[in-house]
N, C-alpha and C. Protein backbone atom coordinates (compact mmCIF):
# COMPACT_ATOMS: atom_id res chain seq x y z
N UNK A 1 -37.92 52.19 -9.35
CA UNK A 1 -37.76 52.30 -10.67
C UNK A 1 -38.59 51.46 -12.06
N UNK A 2 -39.17 52.55 -12.50
CA UNK A 2 -40.64 52.11 -13.67
C UNK A 2 -39.42 50.83 -14.45
N UNK A 3 -39.84 49.80 -14.63
CA UNK A 3 -39.38 48.58 -14.92
C UNK A 3 -39.39 48.91 -16.42
N UNK A 4 -38.20 48.12 -17.51
CA UNK A 4 -38.46 48.80 -18.95
C UNK A 4 -37.72 49.71 -18.94
N UNK A 5 -37.67 51.13 -18.19
CA UNK A 5 -37.50 52.26 -18.54
C UNK A 5 -36.26 52.49 -18.67
N UNK A 6 -34.97 52.03 -19.40
CA UNK A 6 -33.88 52.16 -20.53
C UNK A 6 -33.83 50.50 -21.18
N UNK A 7 -35.25 50.16 -21.53
CA UNK A 7 -35.02 48.76 -22.30
C UNK A 7 -35.43 49.31 -24.18
N UNK A 8 -34.68 49.67 -24.95
CA UNK A 8 -34.65 50.42 -25.74
C UNK A 8 -35.77 49.21 -27.18
N UNK A 9 -37.18 50.19 -26.70
CA UNK A 9 -37.86 49.14 -27.82
C UNK A 9 -38.30 49.86 -29.00
N UNK A 10 -38.20 51.19 -28.92
CA UNK A 10 -39.18 52.53 -29.99
C UNK A 10 -37.41 52.40 -30.83
N UNK A 11 -38.58 52.26 -32.77
CA UNK A 11 -37.60 52.59 -33.66
C UNK A 11 -37.41 54.18 -33.54
N UNK A 12 -36.89 54.73 -34.89
CA UNK A 12 -36.04 56.24 -34.62
C UNK A 12 -37.46 56.44 -34.92
N UNK A 13 -38.49 56.13 -35.96
CA UNK A 13 -39.50 56.58 -36.47
C UNK A 13 -40.92 57.27 -35.71
N UNK A 14 -40.47 55.81 -34.69
CA UNK A 14 -41.99 56.25 -33.42
C UNK A 14 -42.05 56.99 -32.36
N UNK A 15 -40.14 57.40 -32.28
CA UNK A 15 -39.29 58.71 -30.75
C UNK A 15 -39.79 59.56 -31.56
N UNK A 16 -39.57 59.38 -33.34
CA UNK A 16 -39.95 61.04 -33.72
C UNK A 16 -40.84 61.55 -33.22
N UNK A 17 -42.09 60.35 -33.69
CA UNK A 17 -43.48 60.19 -33.49
C UNK A 17 -44.08 60.72 -31.72
N UNK A 18 -43.79 60.95 -31.28
CA UNK A 18 -44.07 60.49 -30.17
C UNK A 18 -42.92 62.04 -29.73
N UNK A 19 -42.34 62.44 -30.12
CA UNK A 19 -41.92 64.10 -29.25
C UNK A 19 -41.97 64.85 -30.60
N UNK A 20 -42.30 64.75 -31.45
CA UNK A 20 -42.58 65.39 -32.67
C UNK A 20 -41.89 66.13 -33.58
N UNK A 21 -41.17 65.54 -33.51
CA UNK A 21 -40.18 65.53 -34.59
C UNK A 21 -39.24 64.96 -35.67
N UNK A 22 -39.19 64.70 -36.68
CA UNK A 22 -38.93 64.21 -38.11
C UNK A 22 -37.80 63.60 -37.61
N UNK A 23 -37.12 62.72 -38.18
CA UNK A 23 -36.26 61.72 -37.71
C UNK A 23 -35.13 62.13 -38.16
N UNK A 24 -34.82 62.75 -38.81
CA UNK A 24 -34.09 63.80 -39.34
C UNK A 24 -33.22 64.64 -38.52
N UNK A 25 -33.68 64.64 -37.21
CA UNK A 25 -33.74 65.52 -36.16
C UNK A 25 -32.77 64.72 -35.23
N UNK A 26 -33.73 63.51 -35.29
CA UNK A 26 -32.76 63.06 -34.22
C UNK A 26 -31.99 62.44 -35.29
N UNK A 27 -31.43 62.32 -36.05
CA UNK A 27 -30.36 62.06 -37.07
C UNK A 27 -28.85 62.63 -36.72
N UNK A 28 -29.34 63.70 -36.14
CA UNK A 28 -28.41 64.93 -35.74
C UNK A 28 -27.56 65.06 -34.75
N UNK A 29 -29.17 64.78 -33.71
CA UNK A 29 -28.72 64.96 -32.38
C UNK A 29 -27.33 64.18 -32.17
N UNK A 30 -28.54 62.42 -32.50
CA UNK A 30 -26.92 61.79 -33.13
C UNK A 30 -25.74 61.92 -32.46
N UNK A 31 -25.43 62.33 -34.22
CA UNK A 31 -24.70 62.86 -35.00
C UNK A 31 -23.40 63.68 -34.18
N UNK A 32 -24.38 64.62 -33.64
CA UNK A 32 -23.97 66.33 -32.45
C UNK A 32 -22.75 65.64 -31.11
N UNK A 33 -23.86 64.26 -30.40
CA UNK A 33 -23.75 64.02 -29.58
C UNK A 33 -24.48 64.37 -28.67
N UNK A 34 -25.55 64.26 -28.90
CA UNK A 34 -26.49 64.13 -28.12
C UNK A 34 -27.78 63.49 -27.40
N UNK A 35 -27.93 62.19 -27.74
CA UNK A 35 -27.67 61.36 -27.99
C UNK A 35 -27.39 60.08 -28.64
N UNK A 36 -27.62 59.08 -27.88
CA UNK A 36 -26.80 57.19 -28.25
C UNK A 36 -27.84 56.68 -27.79
N UNK A 37 -28.75 56.20 -29.35
CA UNK A 37 -29.78 54.61 -28.92
C UNK A 37 -29.24 53.58 -29.13
N UNK A 38 -28.93 52.67 -29.36
CA UNK A 38 -29.28 51.52 -28.65
C UNK A 38 -29.28 50.74 -30.56
N UNK A 39 -28.43 50.03 -30.87
CA UNK A 39 -28.31 50.00 -32.70
C UNK A 39 -28.50 48.93 -32.39
N UNK A 40 -29.27 47.77 -33.58
CA UNK A 40 -29.02 46.77 -33.57
C UNK A 40 -29.36 46.58 -35.03
N UNK A 41 -28.15 46.41 -36.19
CA UNK A 41 -27.58 46.65 -36.71
C UNK A 41 -27.39 47.99 -37.39
N UNK A 42 -28.03 48.23 -38.25
CA UNK A 42 -27.80 49.71 -38.47
C UNK A 42 -29.76 50.28 -38.11
N UNK A 43 -30.56 50.14 -37.31
CA UNK A 43 -31.14 50.35 -36.54
C UNK A 43 -30.97 51.32 -35.72
N UNK A 44 -32.04 51.65 -35.36
CA UNK A 44 -31.47 51.99 -33.82
C UNK A 44 -33.05 52.39 -33.07
N UNK A 45 -33.03 51.91 -31.38
CA UNK A 45 -34.10 51.79 -30.75
C UNK A 45 -33.65 53.11 -29.82
N UNK A 46 -35.31 53.45 -29.45
CA UNK A 46 -34.48 54.34 -27.75
C UNK A 46 -35.31 53.69 -27.17
N UNK A 47 -35.03 54.33 -26.00
CA UNK A 47 -35.87 53.91 -24.54
C UNK A 47 -36.76 54.90 -24.63
N UNK A 48 -37.35 54.25 -23.08
CA UNK A 48 -38.05 55.96 -22.27
C UNK A 48 -37.09 56.86 -21.38
N UNK A 49 -36.91 56.16 -21.67
CA UNK A 49 -35.36 57.81 -20.36
C UNK A 49 -34.85 58.18 -21.90
N UNK A 50 -33.98 57.37 -23.03
CA UNK A 50 -33.03 58.30 -23.37
C UNK A 50 -35.55 59.85 -24.30
N UNK A 51 -35.89 58.68 -24.53
CA UNK A 51 -37.43 59.68 -25.28
C UNK A 51 -37.46 60.68 -23.92
N UNK A 52 -37.66 61.03 -22.52
CA UNK A 52 -37.39 61.53 -22.30
C UNK A 52 -36.12 62.85 -22.08
N UNK A 53 -35.58 62.18 -22.05
CA UNK A 53 -33.88 63.43 -22.67
C UNK A 53 -34.24 64.33 -24.15
N UNK A 54 -34.15 63.77 -24.59
CA UNK A 54 -35.30 64.29 -26.38
C UNK A 54 -36.39 65.01 -26.47
N UNK A 55 -36.95 65.05 -25.59
CA UNK A 55 -37.66 66.19 -25.00
C UNK A 55 -37.85 67.16 -24.37
N UNK A 56 -36.52 66.63 -23.61
CA UNK A 56 -36.30 67.74 -23.27
C UNK A 56 -34.65 68.91 -24.21
N UNK A 57 -34.28 68.16 -24.86
CA UNK A 57 -33.69 68.70 -26.02
C UNK A 57 -33.94 69.57 -26.20
N UNK A 58 -34.82 68.69 -26.91
CA UNK A 58 -36.32 69.29 -28.24
C UNK A 58 -36.63 70.74 -26.87
N UNK A 59 -37.34 71.01 -26.29
CA UNK A 59 -37.60 72.27 -25.17
C UNK A 59 -36.55 72.93 -25.15
N UNK A 60 -35.37 72.72 -25.08
CA UNK A 60 -33.76 73.41 -24.74
C UNK A 60 -33.63 74.69 -26.32
N UNK A 61 -34.22 74.06 -27.27
CA UNK A 61 -33.40 74.15 -28.22
C UNK A 61 -34.44 74.93 -28.86
N UNK A 62 -35.72 74.27 -29.25
CA UNK A 62 -36.97 75.59 -28.63
C UNK A 62 -37.53 76.66 -28.82
N UNK A 63 -37.66 76.21 -27.46
CA UNK A 63 -38.22 76.91 -26.50
C UNK A 63 -37.26 77.83 -25.50
N UNK A 64 -36.45 77.62 -25.56
CA UNK A 64 -35.10 77.78 -24.55
C UNK A 64 -34.26 78.74 -25.70
N UNK A 65 -34.25 78.34 -26.81
CA UNK A 65 -33.52 78.59 -27.76
C UNK A 65 -31.99 79.05 -27.18
N UNK A 66 -31.87 78.13 -27.29
CA UNK A 66 -30.52 77.44 -26.70
C UNK A 66 -29.50 76.41 -28.07
N UNK A 67 -28.89 77.16 -28.45
CA UNK A 67 -28.38 76.02 -29.84
C UNK A 67 -27.52 74.61 -29.38
N UNK A 68 -27.74 73.33 -30.34
CA UNK A 68 -26.74 72.52 -30.40
C UNK A 68 -25.85 72.49 -29.35
N UNK A 69 -24.62 73.12 -29.01
CA UNK A 69 -23.75 73.06 -28.62
C UNK A 69 -23.44 73.18 -26.64
N UNK A 70 -24.72 74.51 -27.66
CA UNK A 70 -24.44 74.90 -25.28
C UNK A 70 -25.84 73.29 -24.24
N UNK A 71 -26.73 73.02 -25.28
CA UNK A 71 -27.58 72.22 -25.41
C UNK A 71 -26.27 70.86 -23.86
N UNK A 72 -25.65 69.78 -25.29
CA UNK A 72 -24.69 69.45 -24.99
C UNK A 72 -23.68 70.00 -23.54
N UNK A 73 -23.81 71.08 -23.72
CA UNK A 73 -22.50 71.43 -22.62
C UNK A 73 -23.94 72.05 -21.22
N UNK A 74 -24.64 72.25 -21.21
CA UNK A 74 -25.85 71.92 -20.44
C UNK A 74 -25.91 70.18 -19.90
N UNK A 75 -26.07 69.16 -20.93
CA UNK A 75 -26.55 68.06 -20.84
C UNK A 75 -25.04 67.18 -19.99
N UNK A 76 -24.01 68.24 -21.08
CA UNK A 76 -23.36 67.21 -20.08
C UNK A 76 -22.73 67.61 -18.60
N UNK A 77 -22.93 69.19 -17.91
CA UNK A 77 -22.43 69.75 -16.74
C UNK A 77 -23.88 69.79 -15.45
N UNK A 78 -25.43 68.56 -16.11
CA UNK A 78 -26.55 69.25 -15.78
C UNK A 78 -27.22 68.22 -15.90
N UNK A 79 -28.36 68.14 -14.64
CA UNK A 79 -29.23 67.18 -14.19
C UNK A 79 -30.43 67.90 -14.56
N UNK A 80 -31.03 66.97 -15.82
CA UNK A 80 -31.68 67.55 -16.49
C UNK A 80 -33.08 68.22 -14.96
N UNK A 81 -33.07 67.09 -13.67
CA UNK A 81 -33.72 68.08 -12.76
C UNK A 81 -33.71 69.68 -12.13
N UNK A 82 -32.39 70.07 -12.19
CA UNK A 82 -32.06 71.33 -12.23
C UNK A 82 -32.19 72.12 -12.90
N UNK A 83 -32.08 71.59 -14.41
CA UNK A 83 -32.85 73.13 -16.03
C UNK A 83 -34.74 72.84 -15.03
N UNK A 84 -34.94 71.74 -14.89
CA UNK A 84 -36.85 71.58 -15.15
C UNK A 84 -37.42 72.10 -13.94
N UNK A 85 -36.15 72.58 -12.37
CA UNK A 85 -36.38 73.07 -11.18
C UNK A 85 -37.57 72.36 -10.25
N UNK A 86 -36.75 71.17 -10.79
CA UNK A 86 -38.36 70.32 -9.75
C UNK A 86 -38.44 70.42 -7.83
N UNK A 87 -39.33 70.01 -8.41
CA UNK A 87 -40.25 70.20 -6.91
C UNK A 87 -39.70 68.49 -6.17
N UNK A 88 -38.88 68.42 -5.06
CA UNK A 88 -39.30 67.50 -4.71
C UNK A 88 -40.11 66.30 -4.42
N UNK A 89 -41.24 66.15 -5.00
CA UNK A 89 -42.56 65.89 -4.99
C UNK A 89 -42.01 64.96 -6.03
N UNK A 90 -41.96 65.63 -6.96
CA UNK A 90 -41.66 65.72 -8.39
C UNK A 90 -40.24 64.49 -8.77
N UNK A 91 -39.69 64.82 -7.99
CA UNK A 91 -38.31 63.95 -7.65
C UNK A 91 -38.34 62.82 -7.23
N UNK A 92 -39.74 62.59 -6.60
CA UNK A 92 -39.06 60.90 -5.90
C UNK A 92 -39.91 60.23 -6.73
N UNK A 93 -40.88 60.58 -7.24
CA UNK A 93 -41.71 59.91 -8.72
C UNK A 93 -41.21 59.57 -10.41
N UNK A 94 -39.97 60.99 -10.38
CA UNK A 94 -39.35 60.80 -11.58
C UNK A 94 -38.43 59.57 -11.43
N UNK A 95 -38.25 58.72 -12.52
CA UNK A 95 -37.63 57.96 -12.74
C UNK A 95 -35.67 58.25 -13.53
N UNK A 96 -35.66 59.59 -13.58
CA UNK A 96 -34.43 59.82 -14.77
C UNK A 96 -34.05 60.02 -12.70
N UNK A 97 -34.69 60.78 -12.06
CA UNK A 97 -33.90 61.28 -11.04
C UNK A 97 -33.34 59.98 -10.40
N UNK A 98 -34.28 58.91 -9.47
CA UNK A 98 -33.71 58.35 -9.08
C UNK A 98 -32.77 57.71 -10.18
N UNK A 99 -32.59 57.19 -11.17
CA UNK A 99 -31.90 56.56 -11.97
C UNK A 99 -30.24 57.52 -11.63
N UNK A 100 -30.23 58.91 -11.97
CA UNK A 100 -28.79 58.99 -12.06
C UNK A 100 -28.63 60.01 -10.94
N UNK A 101 -29.50 60.32 -10.22
CA UNK A 101 -28.97 60.79 -9.23
C UNK A 101 -27.51 60.62 -8.04
N UNK A 102 -26.83 61.97 -8.25
CA UNK A 102 -25.76 61.97 -7.19
C UNK A 102 -25.83 61.10 -5.66
N UNK A 103 -25.42 61.45 -5.35
CA UNK A 103 -25.79 60.45 -3.47
C UNK A 103 -24.63 61.37 -2.59
């Protein structure tokens, strides 16, 4: 697993820039329960793992046209590698798969 993959490092502004959405979008997704960033006082901090999840959320909403409730349901019952249909070789190097796979 990548070192620091789950360490909250990125502010909301930097995270929004990375995934190319506005900060208000991230706040809405948080309010709707799609993501739960770490908090230090009033400030939100996101890890690389959070950013990967946010990229999947963005893809489902914008490209696959799934509404927020649908995304929430999918994320609560399905792993991202099942949504993306990752190949076994991709899974071997995927830090999300390594962290969350079921035995």
